[in-house]
N, C-alpha and C. Protein backbone atom coordinates (compact mmCIF):
# COMPACT_ATOMS: atom_id res chain seq x y z
N UNK A 1 -3.23 23.23 -12.84
CA UNK A 1 -3.95 22.80 -11.43
C UNK A 1 -2.67 24.08 -10.47
N UNK A 2 -2.64 24.32 -10.05
CA UNK A 2 -1.49 25.41 -9.08
C UNK A 2 -1.61 24.96 -8.09
N UNK A 3 -0.80 23.35 -7.43
CA UNK A 3 -1.09 23.02 -5.94
C UNK A 3 0.62 24.85 -5.34
N UNK A 4 -0.32 24.36 -3.71
CA UNK A 4 0.58 25.42 -2.50
C UNK A 4 1.16 24.45 -1.92
N UNK A 5 2.31 25.26 -1.32
CA UNK A 5 2.88 23.89 -0.20
C UNK A 5 2.83 24.82 1.04
N UNK A 6 3.24 24.15 1.68
CA UNK A 6 3.27 25.05 3.04
C UNK A 6 4.68 24.17 4.26
N UNK A 7 5.59 24.82 4.39
CA UNK A 7 6.45 23.99 5.28
C UNK A 7 6.14 23.26 6.93
N UNK A 8 6.58 22.22 6.86
CA UNK A 8 6.18 21.01 8.42
C UNK A 8 7.45 20.80 8.67
N UNK A 9 7.45 20.41 9.99
CA UNK A 9 8.61 20.12 10.90
C UNK A 9 9.01 18.43 9.93
N UNK A 10 9.44 17.94 9.87
CA UNK A 10 9.60 16.85 10.39
C UNK A 10 10.82 15.73 10.74
N UNK A 11 11.25 15.31 11.93
CA UNK A 11 11.87 15.39 13.06
C UNK A 11 12.45 16.30 13.13
N UNK A 12 14.12 16.12 12.92
CA UNK A 12 15.14 18.09 12.83
C UNK A 12 14.70 18.35 11.75
N UNK A 13 13.98 18.12 11.05
CA UNK A 13 14.16 18.85 9.54
C UNK A 13 12.78 19.36 8.75
N UNK A 14 13.04 20.76 7.94
CA UNK A 14 12.32 21.40 7.66
C UNK A 14 11.82 21.06 5.89
N UNK A 15 10.31 20.55 5.52
CA UNK A 15 10.02 20.03 4.17
C UNK A 15 9.13 20.62 3.69
N UNK A 16 8.38 20.77 2.28
CA UNK A 16 7.61 21.30 2.06
C UNK A 16 6.73 20.17 1.78
N UNK A 17 5.45 20.60 2.14
CA UNK A 17 4.16 19.44 2.23
C UNK A 17 3.31 20.41 1.39
N UNK A 18 2.41 19.56 0.63
CA UNK A 18 1.73 19.58 0.00
C UNK A 18 0.20 20.26 0.82
N UNK A 19 -0.04 21.62 0.74
CA UNK A 19 -0.88 22.74 1.29
C UNK A 19 -2.00 21.73 2.03
N UNK A 20 -3.10 21.91 2.73
CA UNK A 20 -3.73 21.58 2.82
C UNK A 20 -4.43 19.52 2.64
N UNK A 21 -2.99 19.07 2.19
CA UNK A 21 -2.70 17.76 2.28
C UNK A 21 -2.68 17.49 3.78
N UNK A 22 -2.37 15.52 3.40
CA UNK A 22 -2.71 15.18 4.83
C UNK A 22 -2.03 14.83 5.59
N UNK A 23 -0.58 15.84 5.29
CA UNK A 23 0.53 15.21 6.14
C UNK A 23 -0.14 16.78 7.57
N UNK A 24 0.10 17.90 5.84
CA UNK A 24 -0.24 19.84 6.75
C UNK A 24 -1.74 19.54 7.89
N UNK A 25 -2.58 18.82 7.59
CA UNK A 25 -3.47 18.64 8.19
C UNK A 25 -3.29 17.81 9.94
N UNK A 26 -2.56 16.59 9.58
CA UNK A 26 -2.27 15.81 10.87
C UNK A 26 -0.75 15.84 11.23
N UNK A 27 -0.37 16.36 10.61
CA UNK A 27 2.04 15.97 11.17
C UNK A 27 2.07 14.39 10.75
N UNK A 28 2.27 14.37 12.06
CA UNK A 28 2.28 12.85 12.09
C UNK A 28 0.94 11.94 13.41
N UNK A 29 -0.02 12.62 13.56
CA UNK A 29 -0.74 11.55 14.65
C UNK A 29 -2.21 11.76 13.94
N UNK A 30 -2.34 11.71 12.32
CA UNK A 30 -3.54 11.40 11.71
C UNK A 30 -5.28 11.11 13.41
N UNK A 31 -5.91 11.67 12.85
CA UNK A 31 -7.33 11.91 13.56
C UNK A 31 -7.66 10.43 12.04
N UNK A 32 -7.73 9.25 12.71
CA UNK A 32 -8.41 7.87 11.38
C UNK A 32 -9.84 8.29 10.96
N UNK A 33 -10.36 8.85 12.67
CA UNK A 33 -12.13 9.31 11.99
C UNK A 33 -12.31 10.18 10.98
N UNK A 34 -11.84 11.23 11.19
CA UNK A 34 -11.89 12.29 9.93
C UNK A 34 -10.98 12.15 8.44
N UNK A 35 -9.49 11.25 8.39
CA UNK A 35 -9.52 10.70 7.49
C UNK A 35 -10.20 10.39 6.78
N UNK A 36 -11.02 9.08 7.40
CA UNK A 36 -12.13 7.86 6.77
C UNK A 36 -13.26 8.77 6.08
N UNK A 37 -13.16 10.52 7.02
CA UNK A 37 -14.15 11.38 6.05
C UNK A 37 -14.45 11.69 4.94
N UNK A 38 -12.96 12.09 4.66
CA UNK A 38 -12.28 12.03 2.86
C UNK A 38 -12.87 11.25 2.34
N UNK A 39 -14.06 11.30 1.36
CA UNK A 39 -14.19 10.44 -0.12
C UNK A 39 -13.32 10.56 -0.55
N UNK A 40 -12.19 10.59 -1.37
CA UNK A 40 -10.82 10.39 -1.47
C UNK A 40 -10.29 9.31 -0.88
N UNK A 41 -10.27 9.24 0.11
CA UNK A 41 -9.37 8.55 1.41
C UNK A 41 -9.55 6.92 0.70
N UNK A 42 -10.48 6.74 0.46
CA UNK A 42 -10.94 5.60 0.61
C UNK A 42 -10.91 4.66 1.55
N UNK A 43 -10.93 3.43 1.96
CA UNK A 43 -10.87 2.07 3.26
C UNK A 43 -9.91 2.14 3.80
N UNK A 44 -9.77 3.15 5.18
CA UNK A 44 -8.05 3.09 5.77
C UNK A 44 -8.88 2.38 6.66
N UNK A 45 -9.31 1.22 6.57
CA UNK A 45 -9.56 -0.21 8.33
C UNK A 45 -8.18 -0.11 7.83
N UNK A 46 -7.28 -0.75 7.71
CA UNK A 46 -6.01 -1.93 7.60
C UNK A 46 -4.64 -0.78 8.34
N UNK A 47 -5.98 0.77 8.68
CA UNK A 47 -4.28 1.21 9.43
C UNK A 47 -5.41 1.50 11.16
N UNK A 48 -6.18 1.11 11.29
CA UNK A 48 -6.98 0.93 12.08
C UNK A 48 -6.67 -0.46 12.96
N UNK A 49 -6.17 -1.28 12.50
CA UNK A 49 -5.33 -2.58 12.83
C UNK A 49 -4.26 -2.42 13.14
N UNK A 50 -3.82 -1.23 12.89
CA UNK A 50 -2.40 -0.83 13.58
C UNK A 50 -1.71 -0.28 14.55
N UNK A 51 -1.66 -0.77 15.38
CA UNK A 51 -1.80 -0.07 16.74
C UNK A 51 -0.49 0.78 17.10
N UNK A 52 -0.71 1.94 17.41
CA UNK A 52 -0.01 3.74 17.48
C UNK A 52 0.94 2.87 18.81
N UNK A 53 2.40 3.16 18.06
CA UNK A 53 2.88 3.65 19.70
C UNK A 53 4.35 4.27 19.07
N UNK A 54 4.98 4.53 19.65
CA UNK A 54 5.92 5.88 19.42
C UNK A 54 7.28 4.50 18.93
N UNK A 55 7.76 4.55 17.75
CA UNK A 55 9.79 4.34 18.31
C UNK A 55 10.85 4.74 17.76
N UNK A 56 12.19 3.86 17.73
CA UNK A 56 13.43 3.87 18.57
C UNK A 56 13.45 5.15 17.18
N UNK A 57 14.03 6.23 16.22
CA UNK A 57 14.08 6.36 15.26
C UNK A 57 15.34 7.45 15.31
N UNK A 58 16.41 6.75 14.61
CA UNK A 58 17.17 7.70 14.06
C UNK A 58 17.38 8.59 13.12
N UNK A 59 16.22 8.70 12.37
CA UNK A 59 16.36 9.79 11.10
C UNK A 59 14.79 11.33 11.91
N UNK A 60 14.55 10.87 13.23
CA UNK A 60 13.67 11.68 13.85
C UNK A 60 13.88 12.15 15.66
N UNK A 61 15.10 12.29 15.50
CA UNK A 61 14.83 11.89 16.94
C UNK A 61 14.53 10.68 17.41
N UNK A 62 14.99 10.42 18.78
CA UNK A 62 14.54 9.56 20.06
C UNK A 62 13.32 8.68 19.26
N UNK A 63 12.38 8.68 19.00
CA UNK A 63 11.08 8.47 19.18
C UNK A 63 10.25 8.72 17.58
N UNK A 64 9.75 7.99 16.87
CA UNK A 64 9.35 8.78 16.16
C UNK A 64 7.32 7.30 15.46
N UNK A 65 6.23 8.29 15.59
CA UNK A 65 4.96 6.98 15.68
C UNK A 65 5.26 5.92 14.36
N UNK A 66 4.97 5.24 14.31
CA UNK A 66 4.70 4.10 13.35
C UNK A 66 3.51 3.73 12.50
N UNK A 67 2.88 4.80 12.22
CA UNK A 67 1.84 4.65 11.57
C UNK A 67 1.55 5.47 10.43
N UNK A 68 2.87 6.65 10.13
CA UNK A 68 3.50 6.63 9.13
C UNK A 68 4.16 6.30 8.78
N UNK A 69 4.61 6.25 7.24
CA UNK A 69 5.67 5.57 6.57
C UNK A 69 7.10 6.74 6.80
N UNK A 70 7.68 7.15 7.72
CA UNK A 70 7.92 8.48 8.12
C UNK A 70 9.85 8.00 7.90
N UNK A 71 10.64 7.30 7.26
CA UNK A 71 12.10 6.99 6.86
C UNK A 71 11.65 7.03 5.18
N UNK A 72 10.34 6.48 5.06
CA UNK A 72 10.56 6.77 3.19
C UNK A 72 10.36 7.81 3.27
N UNK A 73 9.67 8.99 3.91
CA UNK A 73 9.70 10.30 3.47
C UNK A 73 10.77 11.28 3.37
N UNK A 74 11.83 10.82 4.13
CA UNK A 74 12.83 11.84 3.58
C UNK A 74 13.31 11.08 2.41
N UNK A 75 13.84 9.74 2.02
CA UNK A 75 13.75 9.51 1.15
C UNK A 75 13.24 10.46 0.32
N UNK A 76 12.12 10.61 -0.03
CA UNK A 76 11.49 11.20 -0.76
C UNK A 76 11.37 12.35 -0.75
N UNK A 77 12.67 13.00 -0.76
CA UNK A 77 12.30 14.73 -0.45
C UNK A 77 13.17 15.35 -2.09
N UNK A 78 14.23 13.98 -2.90
CA UNK A 78 14.70 14.24 -3.31
C UNK A 78 14.94 13.43 -4.89
N UNK A 79 13.42 13.22 -4.32
CA UNK A 79 12.76 11.79 -5.51
C UNK A 79 12.32 12.39 -6.63
N UNK A 80 12.91 12.93 -7.69
CA UNK A 80 11.77 13.27 -8.63
C UNK A 80 11.83 12.51 -10.14
N UNK A 81 11.26 11.51 -10.23
CA UNK A 81 10.79 10.42 -11.04
C UNK A 81 9.64 11.73 -12.29
N UNK A 82 9.40 12.27 -12.73
CA UNK A 82 9.29 12.81 -13.92
C UNK A 82 10.48 12.96 -14.72
N UNK A 83 11.54 13.74 -13.82
CA UNK A 83 12.61 14.41 -14.75
C UNK A 83 13.61 13.33 -14.98
N UNK A 84 13.23 12.14 -14.88
CA UNK A 84 13.72 10.33 -15.15
C UNK A 84 13.24 10.13 -16.64
N UNK A 85 12.18 10.09 -16.53
CA UNK A 85 10.95 9.41 -17.53
C UNK A 85 11.79 9.80 -19.02
N UNK A 86 12.08 11.02 -19.72
CA UNK A 86 12.63 10.95 -20.57
C UNK A 86 14.02 10.05 -21.25
N UNK A 87 14.48 9.82 -19.91
CA UNK A 87 16.02 9.04 -19.86
C UNK A 87 15.71 7.55 -20.08
N UNK A 88 14.64 6.69 -19.65
CA UNK A 88 14.30 5.14 -19.57
C UNK A 88 13.88 4.61 -20.79
N UNK A 89 14.84 3.41 -21.06
CA UNK A 89 15.04 3.14 -22.46
C UNK A 89 14.72 2.01 -22.22
N UNK A 90 14.55 1.59 -21.83
CA UNK A 90 13.59 -0.12 -21.78
C UNK A 90 11.73 0.24 -21.70
N UNK A 91 10.67 -0.41 -21.85
CA UNK A 91 9.39 -0.50 -20.90
C UNK A 91 8.80 -0.18 -20.02
N UNK A 92 7.91 0.80 -19.79
CA UNK A 92 7.46 1.20 -18.14
C UNK A 92 6.83 1.38 -18.17
N UNK A 93 5.55 0.59 -17.01
CA UNK A 93 4.56 1.20 -17.10
C UNK A 93 3.82 1.94 -16.24
N UNK A 94 3.07 3.35 -15.79
CA UNK A 94 3.07 3.97 -15.13
C UNK A 94 1.40 4.18 -14.72
N UNK A 95 0.96 3.42 -13.85
CA UNK A 95 -0.19 3.59 -12.88
C UNK A 95 -0.32 4.65 -12.05
N UNK A 96 -1.03 5.37 -12.35
CA UNK A 96 -2.01 6.67 -11.26
C UNK A 96 -2.85 6.22 -10.24
N UNK A 97 -3.24 6.89 -9.38
CA UNK A 97 -4.56 7.33 -9.25
C UNK A 97 -4.86 8.97 -9.59
N UNK A 98 -6.19 8.61 -10.16
CA UNK A 98 -6.23 10.01 -10.56
C UNK A 98 -6.69 11.19 -8.45
N UNK A 99 -7.63 10.76 -8.32
CA UNK A 99 -8.06 11.19 -6.22
C UNK A 99 -6.94 11.04 -5.54
N UNK A 100 -5.87 10.46 -6.07
CA UNK A 100 -4.56 10.28 -5.26
C UNK A 100 -4.18 12.05 -4.90
N UNK A 101 -4.40 11.64 -3.48
CA UNK A 101 -4.02 13.42 -2.68
C UNK A 101 -2.60 13.15 -2.07
N UNK A 102 -2.39 11.71 -1.42
CA UNK A 102 -1.00 11.72 -0.49
C UNK A 102 0.41 11.88 -1.55
N UNK A 103 0.29 11.44 -3.16
CA UNK A 103 0.99 11.54 -3.81
C UNK A 103 0.70 11.55 -5.33
N UNK A 104 -0.04 13.14 -5.90
CA UNK A 104 -0.82 13.21 -6.83
C UNK A 104 0.12 12.88 -8.10
N UNK A 105 -1.07 12.26 -9.02
CA UNK A 105 -0.29 11.67 -10.28
C UNK A 105 -0.39 13.23 -11.38
N UNK A 106 0.51 13.41 -11.65
CA UNK A 106 0.44 14.55 -12.58
C UNK A 106 0.59 13.41 -13.93
N UNK A 107 -0.91 13.43 -14.40
CA UNK A 107 -0.30 12.79 -16.37
C UNK A 107 -0.27 13.36 -16.94
N UNK A 108 -0.08 14.57 -16.74
CA UNK A 108 0.08 15.54 -18.09
C UNK A 108 1.45 15.44 -18.40
N UNK A 109 1.97 15.99 -16.86
CA UNK A 109 3.81 15.77 -17.11
C UNK A 109 4.21 14.36 -16.82
N UNK A 110 4.00 13.69 -16.78
CA UNK A 110 4.16 12.10 -16.98
C UNK A 110 4.34 11.60 -18.93
N UNK A 111 3.27 12.71 -19.12
CA UNK A 111 3.02 12.33 -21.07
C UNK A 111 4.19 13.16 -21.59
N UNK A 112 4.34 14.56 -20.50
CA UNK A 112 4.51 15.80 -21.11
C UNK A 112 6.64 15.54 -21.78
N UNK A 113 6.79 14.14 -20.67
CA UNK A 113 8.35 13.47 -21.12
C UNK A 113 8.13 13.09 -22.26
N UNK A 114 7.30 12.85 -23.17
CA UNK A 114 7.53 12.02 -24.04
C UNK A 114 8.51 11.38 -24.70
N UNK A 115 8.28 9.99 -23.55
CA UNK A 115 9.04 9.10 -23.77
C UNK A 115 8.20 7.71 -24.69
N UNK A 116 8.31 7.19 -25.75
CA UNK A 116 7.51 6.47 -26.33
C UNK A 116 7.59 5.05 -25.43
N UNK A 117 8.55 4.58 -24.79
CA UNK A 117 8.78 3.27 -24.81
C UNK A 117 7.68 3.50 -22.53
N UNK A 118 7.48 4.92 -22.38
CA UNK A 118 6.58 4.85 -20.99
C UNK A 118 5.15 4.47 -21.27
N UNK A 119 4.15 3.84 -20.95
CA UNK A 119 2.42 3.62 -21.00
C UNK A 119 2.04 4.00 -19.84
N UNK A 120 1.50 5.30 -20.10
CA UNK A 120 0.32 5.39 -19.28
C UNK A 120 -1.29 5.46 -18.59
N UNK A 121 -1.41 4.64 -17.54
CA UNK A 121 -2.53 4.30 -16.96
C UNK A 121 -2.91 4.60 -16.04
N UNK A 122 -4.70 5.45 -15.73
CA UNK A 122 -4.54 5.87 -14.79
C UNK A 122 -6.19 5.09 -14.47
N UNK A 123 -6.23 4.76 -13.18
CA UNK A 123 -7.05 4.81 -12.37
C UNK A 123 -7.89 5.12 -11.34
N UNK A 124 -9.55 5.35 -11.69
CA UNK A 124 -10.08 6.26 -10.76
C UNK A 124 -10.06 5.85 -9.30
N UNK A 125 -8.79 6.22 -9.25
CA UNK A 125 -8.66 5.53 -6.83
C UNK A 125 -8.01 6.66 -6.38
N UNK A 126 -8.07 6.67 -5.17
CA UNK A 126 -6.80 6.94 -4.12
C UNK A 126 -5.99 6.21 -4.19
N UNK A 127 -5.20 6.73 -2.91
CA UNK A 127 -3.99 6.10 -3.16
C UNK A 127 -3.14 4.82 -2.67
N UNK A 128 -4.60 4.58 -1.60
CA UNK A 128 -4.22 3.42 -1.31
C UNK A 128 -5.42 1.93 -2.20
N UNK A 129 -6.28 2.64 -2.89
CA UNK A 129 -7.14 1.46 -3.65
C UNK A 129 -6.74 0.51 -4.74
N UNK A 130 -5.61 1.25 -4.93
CA UNK A 130 -5.07 0.31 -6.14
C UNK A 130 -4.61 -1.15 -5.72
N UNK A 131 -5.32 -1.27 -4.14
CA UNK A 131 -4.48 -2.25 -3.49
C UNK A 131 -5.59 -2.94 -3.31
N UNK A 132 -7.03 -2.77 -3.66
CA UNK A 132 -8.33 -2.93 -2.40
C UNK A 132 -8.72 -3.34 -4.07
N UNK A 133 -10.30 -4.36 -3.81
CA UNK A 133 -11.32 -4.22 -4.91
C UNK A 133 -12.04 -2.41 -4.63
N UNK A 134 -12.45 -2.72 -5.62
CA UNK A 134 -12.67 -3.24 -6.96
C UNK A 134 -11.62 -2.44 -7.91
N UNK A 135 -10.60 -2.01 -7.37
CA UNK A 135 -9.34 -1.51 -8.39
C UNK A 135 -8.42 -2.43 -8.50
N UNK A 136 -8.27 -3.35 -7.67
CA UNK A 136 -6.84 -4.02 -7.23
C UNK A 136 -7.60 -5.38 -8.54
N UNK A 137 -8.15 -5.64 -8.94
CA UNK A 137 -8.68 -6.74 -10.44
C UNK A 137 -8.43 -5.39 -12.10
N UNK A 138 -8.74 -4.74 -12.05
CA UNK A 138 -7.49 -3.71 -12.85
C UNK A 138 -6.47 -3.19 -12.81
N UNK A 139 -6.35 -2.78 -11.79
CA UNK A 139 -4.40 -2.80 -11.39
C UNK A 139 -3.96 -3.65 -11.87
N UNK A 140 -4.20 -4.79 -11.24
CA UNK A 140 -3.26 -6.26 -11.79
C UNK A 140 -3.83 -6.48 -13.54
N UNK A 141 -4.91 -6.56 -13.84
CA UNK A 141 -4.58 -6.39 -15.69
C UNK A 141 -3.84 -5.59 -16.16
N UNK A 142 -3.90 -4.77 -15.81
CA UNK A 142 -3.48 -3.60 -16.01
C UNK A 142 -1.62 -4.63 -16.60
N UNK A 143 -1.15 -4.58 -15.52
CA UNK A 143 0.54 -4.86 -15.28
C UNK A 143 0.07 -6.28 -16.28
N UNK A 144 -0.15 -7.30 -15.74
CA UNK A 144 0.00 -8.64 -16.49
C UNK A 144 0.40 -7.99 -17.95
N UNK A 145 -0.84 -7.59 -18.36
CA UNK A 145 -0.87 -7.41 -20.07
C UNK A 145 0.12 -6.33 -20.54
N UNK A 146 0.61 -5.43 -19.45
CA UNK A 146 2.07 -4.88 -19.68
C UNK A 146 3.29 -5.47 -19.81
N UNK A 147 2.55 -6.65 -19.05
CA UNK A 147 4.70 -7.38 -19.03
C UNK A 147 4.25 -8.81 -19.98
N UNK A 148 3.36 -9.01 -20.66
CA UNK A 148 2.99 -10.03 -21.34
C UNK A 148 3.24 -8.92 -22.39
N UNK A 149 3.13 -7.81 -22.72
CA UNK A 149 3.68 -7.19 -24.40
C UNK A 149 5.53 -6.97 -24.18
N UNK A 150 6.14 -7.41 -23.39
CA UNK A 150 7.20 -6.46 -23.08
C UNK A 150 8.00 -8.30 -23.54
N UNK A 151 7.31 -9.62 -23.82
CA UNK A 151 7.47 -10.68 -23.76
C UNK A 151 7.11 -11.24 -25.28
N UNK A 152 7.20 -9.92 -26.12
CA UNK A 152 6.83 -10.00 -27.82
C UNK A 152 5.04 -10.81 -27.64
N UNK A 153 4.46 -10.41 -26.44
CA UNK A 153 3.05 -11.02 -26.53
C UNK A 153 2.78 -11.96 -26.18
N UNK A 154 3.29 -12.60 -24.83
CA UNK A 154 2.43 -14.06 -24.76
C UNK A 154 2.28 -13.65 -23.91
N UNK A 155 1.53 -14.92 -23.84
CA UNK A 155 0.14 -15.05 -22.67
C UNK A 155 0.21 -15.01 -21.83
N UNK A 156 -0.28 -14.38 -21.11
CA UNK A 156 -0.22 -14.23 -19.54
C UNK A 156 -1.56 -15.43 -18.79
N UNK A 157 -1.84 -16.33 -17.46
CA UNK A 157 -1.71 -17.23 -17.25
C UNK A 157 -2.20 -17.09 -15.92
């Protein structure tokens, strides 16, 4: 699948974002009703409980909305985890959401790194759904089983 990107202003910065993705469509003011209609968004009720307000921000000029993870977005610009996968020297579990449009999971690229210490699991979930049922139980079970395997097969309780 060929992904297309477009440029967007991020405070005083211009960055590339996924064309047609949430940031491209909503910038820093998402219409939660429209997001909720997107079947891949999952349950967004948590975000409805956060009062929208502008906060002081050193990274984005005098103010930035509190309803996006604005600071984390700048730190992610240079984040290239797939490039680091081949160098990982200890057991690592990578869990991705097959329907994640916020941070799309590229399972073929993770597998192409060819690191036998990297275990890969894909959930049929959007970005936030792994933290909500029915996906949460499966997500936690995968993590517990993986951690137990690192300890010589100790039983998880």
